[in-house]
Amino acid sequence: MTAAARSRDAPFVVPDLEAPIDLESRLARCPVAEVKGLFFEPIAERTRRIGKPVGRARYLAFRGYPLTEWLAFLAAASHALYPTLPPREGLRRVGWGAYDGFVQSTVGAVLFGLAGKSPELAVPLVGRAYELVRAHGVVRILEHGPGRAVFSYRDFWDWPDAWHLGVLEGALRVFRLRGDVRVRVHGERDADLELRWR
């Protein structure tokens, strides 16, 4: 059995939110790509409200900003907002607001408005949402059934097992559902996330 096959068959686990984020190494290796401002601005606004502004004075929703800026911004914002927590736990918590922020944007409201308050209808739209606002990484649905979905995150430089974990947990909150997200890490940029709800 190959290492890739073993990785695909590994169980889903609670993420290691104590692991280092290795920002400098990640910045040195990440490709030229962009992230839309609609993800920056709600987080930047939160840091401004607590008197610890991070990033630019303003981000335009559909303007692209460098991926390297996004990574450094996420790390700095998570530290500003959650200075006593390990960096990955801070990234996770910052991610909690991303889904709500996206569905309040014009494109998010149109896309996820189709799902209403049904997670079963929202799950198939996740990959399309990422396509609309990201120039790197691919999300695919591996499994989808009542109360459960598995997403494949590939080539995501912004910590799929921390930031994107928080994004899915934030979606549970928006839908007012109880549940959890577990991970199966394949590498620093690749992970499968299992979302369960009830």
N, C-alpha and C. Protein backbone atom coordinates (compact mmCIF):
# COMPACT_ATOMS: atom_id res chain seq x y z
N MET A 1 0.84 -1.18 0.00
CA MET A 1 0.00 0.00 0.00
C MET A 1 0.89 1.25 0.00
N THR A 2 0.57 2.20 -0.86
CA THR A 2 1.37 3.42 -0.95
C THR A 2 1.08 4.34 0.23
N ALA A 3 2.00 5.29 0.42
CA ALA A 3 1.80 6.26 1.50
C ALA A 3 0.54 7.08 1.27
N ALA A 4 0.26 7.43 0.00
CA ALA A 4 -0.94 8.21 -0.32
C ALA A 4 -2.20 7.41 0.02
N ALA A 5 -2.20 6.12 -0.29
CA ALA A 5 -3.37 5.28 0.02
C ALA A 5 -3.55 5.15 1.52
N ARG A 6 -2.44 4.98 2.26
CA ARG A 6 -2.54 4.89 3.72
C ARG A 6 -3.10 6.20 4.29
N SER A 7 -2.67 7.32 3.73
CA SER A 7 -3.14 8.62 4.20
C SER A 7 -4.64 8.76 3.97
N ARG A 8 -5.12 8.33 2.81
CA ARG A 8 -6.55 8.42 2.51
C ARG A 8 -7.38 7.54 3.43
N ASP A 9 -6.80 6.45 3.91
CA ASP A 9 -7.52 5.53 4.77
C ASP A 9 -7.36 5.83 6.25
N ALA A 10 -6.56 6.83 6.59
CA ALA A 10 -6.34 7.18 7.99
C ALA A 10 -7.65 7.70 8.59
N PRO A 11 -7.82 7.53 9.89
CA PRO A 11 -9.06 8.02 10.53
C PRO A 11 -9.04 9.55 10.65
N PHE A 12 -10.22 10.11 10.80
CA PHE A 12 -10.34 11.54 11.11
C PHE A 12 -10.08 11.72 12.59
N VAL A 13 -9.36 12.79 12.92
CA VAL A 13 -8.97 13.03 14.31
C VAL A 13 -9.22 14.48 14.68
N VAL A 14 -9.18 14.74 15.97
CA VAL A 14 -9.21 16.11 16.48
C VAL A 14 -7.89 16.76 16.05
N PRO A 15 -7.93 17.96 15.50
CA PRO A 15 -6.69 18.58 15.00
C PRO A 15 -5.72 18.93 16.11
N ASP A 16 -4.43 18.94 15.76
CA ASP A 16 -3.39 19.34 16.70
C ASP A 16 -3.25 20.86 16.62
N LEU A 17 -3.96 21.56 17.46
CA LEU A 17 -3.94 23.02 17.43
C LEU A 17 -2.78 23.61 18.24
N GLU A 18 -1.92 22.74 18.75
CA GLU A 18 -0.72 23.19 19.45
C GLU A 18 0.49 23.21 18.51
N ALA A 19 0.38 22.61 17.34
CA ALA A 19 1.50 22.53 16.40
C ALA A 19 1.87 23.93 15.90
N PRO A 20 3.15 24.17 15.63
CA PRO A 20 3.56 25.50 15.14
C PRO A 20 3.02 25.76 13.73
N ILE A 21 2.92 27.04 13.36
CA ILE A 21 2.42 27.38 12.03
C ILE A 21 3.55 27.61 11.02
N ASP A 22 4.76 27.81 11.46
CA ASP A 22 5.93 27.96 10.58
C ASP A 22 5.67 28.98 9.48
N LEU A 23 5.28 30.17 9.87
CA LEU A 23 4.90 31.22 8.92
C LEU A 23 6.03 31.60 7.98
N GLU A 24 7.23 31.82 8.49
CA GLU A 24 8.33 32.29 7.64
C GLU A 24 8.64 31.30 6.52
N SER A 25 8.68 30.02 6.84
CA SER A 25 8.94 29.00 5.82
C SER A 25 7.82 28.97 4.79
N ARG A 26 6.60 29.08 5.26
CA ARG A 26 5.44 29.06 4.36
C ARG A 26 5.46 30.27 3.42
N LEU A 27 5.77 31.44 3.95
CA LEU A 27 5.84 32.64 3.12
C LEU A 27 6.93 32.52 2.04
N ALA A 28 8.04 31.91 2.41
CA ALA A 28 9.15 31.78 1.46
C ALA A 28 8.82 30.83 0.32
N ARG A 29 7.92 29.88 0.54
CA ARG A 29 7.63 28.85 -0.46
C ARG A 29 6.30 29.03 -1.19
N CYS A 30 5.44 29.91 -0.71
CA CYS A 30 4.10 29.96 -1.29
C CYS A 30 4.11 30.60 -2.69
N PRO A 31 3.20 30.15 -3.55
CA PRO A 31 3.17 30.64 -4.93
C PRO A 31 2.59 32.04 -5.02
N VAL A 32 2.73 32.63 -6.19
CA VAL A 32 2.08 33.90 -6.47
C VAL A 32 0.60 33.59 -6.71
N ALA A 33 -0.24 34.11 -5.86
CA ALA A 33 -1.69 33.90 -5.96
C ALA A 33 -2.36 35.02 -5.18
N GLU A 34 -3.68 35.09 -5.30
CA GLU A 34 -4.43 36.17 -4.65
C GLU A 34 -5.57 35.63 -3.80
N VAL A 35 -5.95 36.45 -2.82
CA VAL A 35 -7.11 36.20 -1.97
C VAL A 35 -7.95 37.48 -1.99
N LYS A 36 -9.24 37.34 -2.13
CA LYS A 36 -10.12 38.51 -2.22
C LYS A 36 -10.23 39.26 -0.89
N GLY A 37 -10.39 40.56 -1.01
CA GLY A 37 -10.47 41.42 0.16
C GLY A 37 -11.65 41.15 1.06
N LEU A 38 -12.68 40.51 0.54
CA LEU A 38 -13.86 40.26 1.39
C LEU A 38 -13.52 39.36 2.56
N PHE A 39 -12.41 38.61 2.50
CA PHE A 39 -12.00 37.81 3.65
C PHE A 39 -11.16 38.63 4.63
N PHE A 40 -10.39 39.59 4.11
CA PHE A 40 -9.57 40.42 4.97
C PHE A 40 -10.41 41.37 5.83
N GLU A 41 -11.33 42.09 5.18
CA GLU A 41 -11.97 43.24 5.82
C GLU A 41 -12.71 42.92 7.12
N PRO A 42 -13.51 41.85 7.21
CA PRO A 42 -14.19 41.60 8.50
C PRO A 42 -13.20 41.32 9.64
N ILE A 43 -12.11 40.66 9.32
CA ILE A 43 -11.10 40.37 10.35
C ILE A 43 -10.37 41.65 10.73
N ALA A 44 -10.00 42.45 9.72
CA ALA A 44 -9.32 43.72 10.00
C ALA A 44 -10.20 44.62 10.86
N GLU A 45 -11.49 44.63 10.57
CA GLU A 45 -12.42 45.44 11.35
C GLU A 45 -12.46 44.97 12.81
N ARG A 46 -12.42 43.68 13.03
CA ARG A 46 -12.40 43.17 14.41
C ARG A 46 -11.15 43.65 15.15
N THR A 47 -10.00 43.65 14.46
CA THR A 47 -8.76 44.10 15.12
C THR A 47 -8.82 45.60 15.39
N ARG A 48 -9.45 46.36 14.50
CA ARG A 48 -9.58 47.81 14.72
C ARG A 48 -10.45 48.08 15.94
N ARG A 49 -11.53 47.32 16.08
CA ARG A 49 -12.46 47.53 17.20
C ARG A 49 -11.80 47.31 18.56
N ILE A 50 -10.81 46.42 18.62
CA ILE A 50 -10.16 46.20 19.92
C ILE A 50 -8.89 47.06 20.08
N GLY A 51 -8.67 47.97 19.13
CA GLY A 51 -7.54 48.89 19.22
C GLY A 51 -6.20 48.27 18.85
N LYS A 52 -6.22 47.15 18.12
CA LYS A 52 -4.98 46.51 17.68
C LYS A 52 -5.06 46.27 16.17
N PRO A 53 -5.13 47.35 15.38
CA PRO A 53 -5.35 47.18 13.94
C PRO A 53 -4.25 46.38 13.25
N VAL A 54 -4.68 45.49 12.37
CA VAL A 54 -3.77 44.66 11.59
C VAL A 54 -4.10 44.88 10.12
N GLY A 55 -3.07 44.99 9.32
CA GLY A 55 -3.27 45.10 7.87
C GLY A 55 -3.50 46.51 7.40
N ARG A 56 -4.07 46.62 6.21
CA ARG A 56 -4.31 47.91 5.57
C ARG A 56 -5.49 48.64 6.23
N ALA A 57 -5.59 49.92 5.93
CA ALA A 57 -6.69 50.72 6.48
C ALA A 57 -8.04 50.26 5.92
N ARG A 58 -8.03 49.69 4.70
CA ARG A 58 -9.27 49.23 4.09
C ARG A 58 -8.95 48.19 3.03
N TYR A 59 -9.82 47.20 2.91
CA TYR A 59 -9.72 46.18 1.86
C TYR A 59 -10.98 46.23 1.01
N LEU A 60 -10.79 46.22 -0.30
CA LEU A 60 -11.92 46.21 -1.22
C LEU A 60 -12.36 44.77 -1.44
N ALA A 61 -13.65 44.51 -1.35
CA ALA A 61 -14.18 43.14 -1.33
C ALA A 61 -13.68 42.26 -2.46
N PHE A 62 -13.74 42.73 -3.69
CA PHE A 62 -13.39 41.84 -4.80
C PHE A 62 -12.07 42.18 -5.46
N ARG A 63 -11.26 42.95 -4.77
CA ARG A 63 -9.90 43.17 -5.22
C ARG A 63 -9.04 42.01 -4.71
N GLY A 64 -8.11 41.56 -5.53
CA GLY A 64 -7.21 40.50 -5.10
C GLY A 64 -6.00 41.06 -4.38
N TYR A 65 -5.62 40.39 -3.29
CA TYR A 65 -4.44 40.76 -2.52
C TYR A 65 -3.50 39.55 -2.50
N PRO A 66 -2.19 39.79 -2.41
CA PRO A 66 -1.24 38.67 -2.48
C PRO A 66 -1.48 37.62 -1.39
N LEU A 67 -1.32 36.37 -1.78
CA LEU A 67 -1.45 35.26 -0.84
C LEU A 67 -0.47 35.41 0.32
N THR A 68 0.74 35.88 0.04
CA THR A 68 1.71 36.08 1.12
C THR A 68 1.18 37.11 2.13
N GLU A 69 0.53 38.16 1.64
CA GLU A 69 -0.05 39.15 2.54
C GLU A 69 -1.15 38.52 3.38
N TRP A 70 -1.96 37.67 2.76
CA TRP A 70 -3.04 36.98 3.47
C TRP A 70 -2.49 36.10 4.60
N LEU A 71 -1.46 35.34 4.31
CA LEU A 71 -0.90 34.45 5.34
C LEU A 71 -0.35 35.25 6.51
N ALA A 72 0.42 36.31 6.22
CA ALA A 72 0.98 37.14 7.28
C ALA A 72 -0.14 37.85 8.05
N PHE A 73 -1.16 38.30 7.32
CA PHE A 73 -2.30 38.97 7.94
C PHE A 73 -3.04 38.03 8.90
N LEU A 74 -3.32 36.81 8.44
CA LEU A 74 -4.02 35.85 9.30
C LEU A 74 -3.25 35.59 10.59
N ALA A 75 -1.93 35.38 10.45
CA ALA A 75 -1.11 35.10 11.63
C ALA A 75 -1.13 36.29 12.59
N ALA A 76 -0.98 37.51 12.05
CA ALA A 76 -0.95 38.70 12.90
C ALA A 76 -2.32 38.97 13.54
N ALA A 77 -3.38 38.80 12.75
CA ALA A 77 -4.73 39.05 13.28
C ALA A 77 -5.09 38.03 14.36
N SER A 78 -4.74 36.77 14.14
CA SER A 78 -5.07 35.77 15.16
C SER A 78 -4.32 36.05 16.45
N HIS A 79 -3.07 36.55 16.34
CA HIS A 79 -2.32 36.90 17.55
C HIS A 79 -2.94 38.14 18.22
N ALA A 80 -3.35 39.13 17.43
CA ALA A 80 -3.96 40.34 18.00
C ALA A 80 -5.26 40.01 18.72
N LEU A 81 -6.06 39.13 18.12
CA LEU A 81 -7.37 38.81 18.68
C LEU A 81 -7.30 37.77 19.80
N TYR A 82 -6.33 36.86 19.73
CA TYR A 82 -6.23 35.77 20.71
C TYR A 82 -4.78 35.62 21.17
N PRO A 83 -4.22 36.64 21.82
CA PRO A 83 -2.79 36.63 22.14
C PRO A 83 -2.34 35.54 23.11
N THR A 84 -3.25 35.00 23.88
CA THR A 84 -2.84 33.98 24.86
C THR A 84 -3.00 32.55 24.34
N LEU A 85 -3.53 32.40 23.13
CA LEU A 85 -3.77 31.06 22.59
C LEU A 85 -2.65 30.65 21.63
N PRO A 86 -2.44 29.36 21.45
CA PRO A 86 -1.49 28.92 20.43
C PRO A 86 -1.92 29.44 19.06
N PRO A 87 -0.97 29.73 18.16
CA PRO A 87 -1.32 30.31 16.86
C PRO A 87 -2.38 29.54 16.07
N ARG A 88 -2.32 28.22 16.05
CA ARG A 88 -3.32 27.47 15.29
C ARG A 88 -4.73 27.60 15.90
N GLU A 89 -4.80 27.63 17.20
CA GLU A 89 -6.10 27.83 17.85
C GLU A 89 -6.63 29.23 17.54
N GLY A 90 -5.75 30.22 17.51
CA GLY A 90 -6.16 31.56 17.11
C GLY A 90 -6.66 31.59 15.68
N LEU A 91 -5.96 30.92 14.77
CA LEU A 91 -6.41 30.85 13.37
C LEU A 91 -7.78 30.21 13.27
N ARG A 92 -7.97 29.15 14.01
CA ARG A 92 -9.27 28.46 14.02
C ARG A 92 -10.38 29.42 14.43
N ARG A 93 -10.15 30.16 15.51
CA ARG A 93 -11.19 31.05 16.03
C ARG A 93 -11.45 32.23 15.09
N VAL A 94 -10.40 32.72 14.44
CA VAL A 94 -10.61 33.78 13.45
C VAL A 94 -11.47 33.24 12.30
N GLY A 95 -11.26 31.98 11.94
CA GLY A 95 -12.04 31.35 10.88
C GLY A 95 -13.52 31.24 11.18
N TRP A 96 -13.90 31.27 12.45
CA TRP A 96 -15.31 31.14 12.83
C TRP A 96 -16.20 32.18 12.16
N GLY A 97 -15.68 33.36 11.89
CA GLY A 97 -16.50 34.41 11.30
C GLY A 97 -16.51 34.44 9.78
N ALA A 98 -15.69 33.62 9.13
CA ALA A 98 -15.54 33.72 7.67
C ALA A 98 -16.80 33.33 6.91
N TYR A 99 -17.47 32.27 7.31
CA TYR A 99 -18.66 31.84 6.57
C TYR A 99 -19.74 32.90 6.66
N ASP A 100 -19.97 33.41 7.85
CA ASP A 100 -20.99 34.44 8.04
C ASP A 100 -20.65 35.67 7.21
N GLY A 101 -19.37 36.08 7.21
CA GLY A 101 -18.96 37.22 6.41
C GLY A 101 -19.17 36.99 4.93
N PHE A 102 -18.88 35.77 4.47
CA PHE A 102 -19.05 35.47 3.05
C PHE A 102 -20.52 35.49 2.65
N VAL A 103 -21.39 34.88 3.43
CA VAL A 103 -22.81 34.85 3.05
C VAL A 103 -23.46 36.23 3.13
N GLN A 104 -22.82 37.17 3.81
CA GLN A 104 -23.34 38.54 3.83
C GLN A 104 -22.85 39.36 2.64
N SER A 105 -21.84 38.84 1.91
CA SER A 105 -21.39 39.53 0.69
C SER A 105 -22.42 39.27 -0.42
N THR A 106 -22.35 40.06 -1.47
CA THR A 106 -23.30 39.90 -2.57
C THR A 106 -23.22 38.52 -3.19
N VAL A 107 -22.01 38.09 -3.54
CA VAL A 107 -21.86 36.78 -4.19
C VAL A 107 -22.24 35.66 -3.24
N GLY A 108 -21.88 35.78 -1.97
CA GLY A 108 -22.22 34.75 -1.00
C GLY A 108 -23.72 34.67 -0.76
N ALA A 109 -24.37 35.84 -0.71
CA ALA A 109 -25.82 35.85 -0.50
C ALA A 109 -26.54 35.19 -1.67
N VAL A 110 -26.08 35.46 -2.89
CA VAL A 110 -26.70 34.85 -4.06
C VAL A 110 -26.47 33.34 -4.06
N LEU A 111 -25.22 32.94 -3.86
CA LEU A 111 -24.88 31.52 -3.92
C LEU A 111 -25.56 30.73 -2.80
N PHE A 112 -25.36 31.14 -1.56
CA PHE A 112 -25.88 30.36 -0.44
C PHE A 112 -27.34 30.68 -0.13
N GLY A 113 -27.88 31.75 -0.74
CA GLY A 113 -29.30 32.03 -0.60
C GLY A 113 -30.14 30.88 -1.15
N LEU A 114 -29.56 30.16 -2.10
CA LEU A 114 -30.26 29.00 -2.67
C LEU A 114 -30.45 27.89 -1.64
N ALA A 115 -29.54 27.84 -0.67
CA ALA A 115 -29.59 26.76 0.33
C ALA A 115 -30.52 27.08 1.49
N GLY A 116 -30.85 28.36 1.68
CA GLY A 116 -31.66 28.72 2.82
C GLY A 116 -30.97 28.33 4.11
N LYS A 117 -31.67 27.67 4.99
CA LYS A 117 -31.10 27.21 6.26
C LYS A 117 -30.84 25.71 6.26
N SER A 118 -30.66 25.14 5.07
CA SER A 118 -30.43 23.70 4.96
C SER A 118 -28.96 23.37 4.72
N PRO A 119 -28.31 22.76 5.70
CA PRO A 119 -26.91 22.39 5.46
C PRO A 119 -26.77 21.38 4.33
N GLU A 120 -27.77 20.51 4.15
CA GLU A 120 -27.71 19.53 3.07
C GLU A 120 -27.66 20.21 1.70
N LEU A 121 -28.34 21.35 1.57
CA LEU A 121 -28.31 22.10 0.31
C LEU A 121 -27.06 22.97 0.20
N ALA A 122 -26.50 23.40 1.33
CA ALA A 122 -25.31 24.26 1.31
C ALA A 122 -24.04 23.47 0.98
N VAL A 123 -23.94 22.24 1.43
CA VAL A 123 -22.72 21.45 1.24
C VAL A 123 -22.28 21.39 -0.22
N PRO A 124 -23.16 21.08 -1.18
CA PRO A 124 -22.70 21.01 -2.57
C PRO A 124 -22.20 22.34 -3.14
N LEU A 125 -22.51 23.46 -2.47
CA LEU A 125 -22.11 24.77 -2.96
C LEU A 125 -20.74 25.21 -2.46
N VAL A 126 -20.16 24.48 -1.52
CA VAL A 126 -18.90 24.90 -0.90
C VAL A 126 -17.77 25.00 -1.92
N GLY A 127 -17.61 23.99 -2.76
CA GLY A 127 -16.55 24.02 -3.75
C GLY A 127 -16.69 25.20 -4.70
N ARG A 128 -17.91 25.47 -5.12
CA ARG A 128 -18.17 26.60 -6.02
C ARG A 128 -17.84 27.93 -5.34
N ALA A 129 -18.17 28.04 -4.07
CA ALA A 129 -17.87 29.27 -3.33
C ALA A 129 -16.36 29.53 -3.32
N TYR A 130 -15.58 28.50 -3.07
CA TYR A 130 -14.12 28.67 -3.09
C TYR A 130 -13.63 29.06 -4.48
N GLU A 131 -14.18 28.46 -5.52
CA GLU A 131 -13.78 28.80 -6.88
C GLU A 131 -14.01 30.28 -7.18
N LEU A 132 -15.09 30.83 -6.68
CA LEU A 132 -15.45 32.21 -6.98
C LEU A 132 -14.52 33.23 -6.33
N VAL A 133 -13.93 32.89 -5.21
CA VAL A 133 -13.19 33.91 -4.45
C VAL A 133 -11.72 33.58 -4.20
N ARG A 134 -11.24 32.46 -4.71
CA ARG A 134 -9.85 32.10 -4.46
C ARG A 134 -9.15 31.75 -5.76
N ALA A 135 -7.87 32.10 -5.83
CA ALA A 135 -7.07 31.80 -7.02
C ALA A 135 -6.09 30.66 -6.74
N HIS A 136 -6.22 30.02 -5.62
CA HIS A 136 -5.35 28.87 -5.31
C HIS A 136 -6.15 27.86 -4.50
N GLY A 137 -5.74 26.61 -4.62
CA GLY A 137 -6.39 25.55 -3.86
C GLY A 137 -7.67 25.07 -4.50
N VAL A 138 -7.98 23.79 -4.23
CA VAL A 138 -9.19 23.16 -4.77
C VAL A 138 -9.90 22.45 -3.63
N VAL A 139 -11.22 22.66 -3.54
CA VAL A 139 -12.05 21.94 -2.57
C VAL A 139 -13.00 21.04 -3.34
N ARG A 140 -13.04 19.79 -2.93
CA ARG A 140 -13.98 18.83 -3.53
C ARG A 140 -14.74 18.13 -2.40
N ILE A 141 -15.95 17.73 -2.72
CA ILE A 141 -16.74 16.94 -1.77
C ILE A 141 -16.41 15.48 -2.01
N LEU A 142 -15.91 14.81 -0.98
CA LEU A 142 -15.60 13.38 -1.09
C LEU A 142 -16.79 12.52 -0.70
N GLU A 143 -17.53 12.97 0.30
CA GLU A 143 -18.70 12.23 0.79
C GLU A 143 -19.74 13.24 1.26
N HIS A 144 -21.01 12.88 1.10
CA HIS A 144 -22.08 13.76 1.55
C HIS A 144 -23.31 12.91 1.84
N GLY A 145 -23.77 12.98 3.06
CA GLY A 145 -24.96 12.25 3.45
C GLY A 145 -25.64 12.96 4.59
N PRO A 146 -26.71 12.42 5.12
CA PRO A 146 -27.42 13.07 6.22
C PRO A 146 -26.50 13.32 7.42
N GLY A 147 -26.35 14.55 7.80
CA GLY A 147 -25.57 14.91 8.98
C GLY A 147 -24.07 14.78 8.82
N ARG A 148 -23.56 14.61 7.60
CA ARG A 148 -22.11 14.42 7.45
C ARG A 148 -21.67 14.81 6.04
N ALA A 149 -20.51 15.44 5.97
CA ALA A 149 -19.87 15.73 4.69
C ALA A 149 -18.36 15.68 4.88
N VAL A 150 -17.66 15.23 3.85
CA VAL A 150 -16.20 15.21 3.87
C VAL A 150 -15.72 16.04 2.69
N PHE A 151 -14.86 17.01 2.99
CA PHE A 151 -14.29 17.90 1.98
C PHE A 151 -12.80 17.63 1.84
N SER A 152 -12.33 17.64 0.62
CA SER A 152 -10.91 17.52 0.32
C SER A 152 -10.37 18.92 0.03
N TYR A 153 -9.40 19.36 0.81
CA TYR A 153 -8.73 20.64 0.59
C TYR A 153 -7.33 20.33 0.07
N ARG A 154 -7.03 20.78 -1.16
CA ARG A 154 -5.72 20.51 -1.74
C ARG A 154 -5.06 21.82 -2.16
N ASP A 155 -3.80 21.91 -1.83
CA ASP A 155 -2.94 23.06 -2.15
C ASP A 155 -3.44 24.34 -1.49
N PHE A 156 -3.84 24.23 -0.23
CA PHE A 156 -4.27 25.38 0.55
C PHE A 156 -3.14 25.79 1.48
N TRP A 157 -2.59 26.95 1.22
CA TRP A 157 -1.46 27.43 2.01
C TRP A 157 -1.90 28.02 3.34
N ASP A 158 -3.19 28.33 3.48
CA ASP A 158 -3.65 28.99 4.69
C ASP A 158 -4.26 28.00 5.70
N TRP A 159 -3.46 27.04 6.06
CA TRP A 159 -3.73 26.14 7.18
C TRP A 159 -5.11 25.48 7.13
N PRO A 160 -5.29 24.49 6.25
CA PRO A 160 -6.61 23.84 6.16
C PRO A 160 -7.04 23.19 7.47
N ASP A 161 -6.08 22.75 8.28
CA ASP A 161 -6.41 22.08 9.54
C ASP A 161 -6.57 23.05 10.72
N ALA A 162 -6.57 24.35 10.44
CA ALA A 162 -6.79 25.35 11.49
C ALA A 162 -7.77 26.42 10.99
N TRP A 163 -7.34 27.27 10.08
CA TRP A 163 -8.21 28.33 9.56
C TRP A 163 -9.47 27.75 8.91
N HIS A 164 -9.31 26.82 7.97
CA HIS A 164 -10.49 26.27 7.27
C HIS A 164 -11.33 25.38 8.18
N LEU A 165 -10.71 24.75 9.14
CA LEU A 165 -11.45 24.05 10.18
C LEU A 165 -12.40 25.02 10.87
N GLY A 166 -11.89 26.20 11.23
CA GLY A 166 -12.72 27.22 11.87
C GLY A 166 -13.82 27.73 10.96
N VAL A 167 -13.53 27.83 9.65
CA VAL A 167 -14.56 28.28 8.70
C VAL A 167 -15.75 27.32 8.74
N LEU A 168 -15.47 26.01 8.71
CA LEU A 168 -16.57 25.03 8.75
C LEU A 168 -17.29 25.05 10.09
N GLU A 169 -16.54 25.23 11.17
CA GLU A 169 -17.19 25.33 12.48
C GLU A 169 -18.07 26.58 12.53
N GLY A 170 -17.62 27.66 11.91
CA GLY A 170 -18.43 28.87 11.85
C GLY A 170 -19.71 28.67 11.07
N ALA A 171 -19.65 27.84 10.02
CA ALA A 171 -20.86 27.53 9.25
C ALA A 171 -21.88 26.81 10.14
N LEU A 172 -21.40 25.91 10.99
CA LEU A 172 -22.32 25.24 11.92
C LEU A 172 -23.05 26.26 12.79
N ARG A 173 -22.32 27.27 13.24
CA ARG A 173 -22.93 28.31 14.08
C ARG A 173 -23.98 29.09 13.32
N VAL A 174 -23.69 29.43 12.06
CA VAL A 174 -24.66 30.19 11.25
C VAL A 174 -25.94 29.38 11.07
N PHE A 175 -25.79 28.07 10.87
CA PHE A 175 -26.96 27.20 10.70
C PHE A 175 -27.60 26.82 12.05
N ARG A 176 -26.98 27.28 13.15
CA ARG A 176 -27.45 26.97 14.51
C ARG A 176 -27.54 25.46 14.74
N LEU A 177 -26.47 24.79 14.34
CA LEU A 177 -26.40 23.34 14.49
C LEU A 177 -25.29 22.96 15.46
N ARG A 178 -25.47 21.85 16.11
CA ARG A 178 -24.41 21.28 16.93
C ARG A 178 -23.65 20.30 16.05
N GLY A 179 -22.38 20.21 16.26
CA GLY A 179 -21.58 19.29 15.46
C GLY A 179 -20.11 19.51 15.70
N ASP A 180 -19.30 18.93 14.85
CA ASP A 180 -17.86 19.10 14.97
C ASP A 180 -17.19 18.87 13.62
N VAL A 181 -15.91 19.24 13.60
CA VAL A 181 -15.09 19.06 12.40
C VAL A 181 -13.83 18.32 12.83
N ARG A 182 -13.53 17.25 12.13
CA ARG A 182 -12.30 16.49 12.37
C ARG A 182 -11.47 16.52 11.10
N VAL A 183 -10.19 16.19 11.25
CA VAL A 183 -9.28 16.32 10.11
C VAL A 183 -8.53 15.02 9.84
N ARG A 184 -8.12 14.90 8.59
CA ARG A 184 -7.18 13.86 8.16
C ARG A 184 -6.15 14.62 7.34
N VAL A 185 -4.99 14.86 7.95
CA VAL A 185 -3.96 15.68 7.32
C VAL A 185 -3.10 14.82 6.40
N HIS A 186 -2.92 15.32 5.18
CA HIS A 186 -2.07 14.64 4.19
C HIS A 186 -0.73 15.35 4.04
N GLY A 187 -0.64 16.59 4.43
CA GLY A 187 0.57 17.40 4.32
C GLY A 187 0.24 18.80 4.79
N GLU A 188 1.22 19.69 4.75
CA GLU A 188 0.98 21.03 5.30
C GLU A 188 -0.07 21.83 4.54
N ARG A 189 -0.31 21.49 3.27
CA ARG A 189 -1.29 22.22 2.46
C ARG A 189 -2.50 21.37 2.08
N ASP A 190 -2.50 20.11 2.48
CA ASP A 190 -3.54 19.18 2.04
C ASP A 190 -4.18 18.48 3.24
N ALA A 191 -5.50 18.50 3.28
CA ALA A 191 -6.21 17.81 4.35
C ALA A 191 -7.64 17.51 3.90
N ASP A 192 -8.22 16.49 4.51
CA ASP A 192 -9.64 16.22 4.37
C ASP A 192 -10.29 16.64 5.67
N LEU A 193 -11.40 17.33 5.57
CA LEU A 193 -12.14 17.78 6.75
C LEU A 193 -13.50 17.11 6.78
N GLU A 194 -13.80 16.48 7.89
CA GLU A 194 -15.07 15.80 8.08
C GLU A 194 -15.96 16.70 8.94
N LEU A 195 -17.07 17.12 8.36
CA LEU A 195 -18.04 17.97 9.05
C LEU A 195 -19.23 17.09 9.43
N ARG A 196 -19.55 17.09 10.73
CA ARG A 196 -20.72 16.34 11.21
C ARG A 196 -21.64 17.29 11.96
N TRP A 197 -22.93 17.11 11.76
CA TRP A 197 -23.89 17.99 12.43
C TRP A 197 -25.14 17.20 12.83
N ARG A 198 -25.87 17.81 13.76
CA ARG A 198 -27.12 17.20 14.22
C ARG A 198 -28.09 18.29 14.62
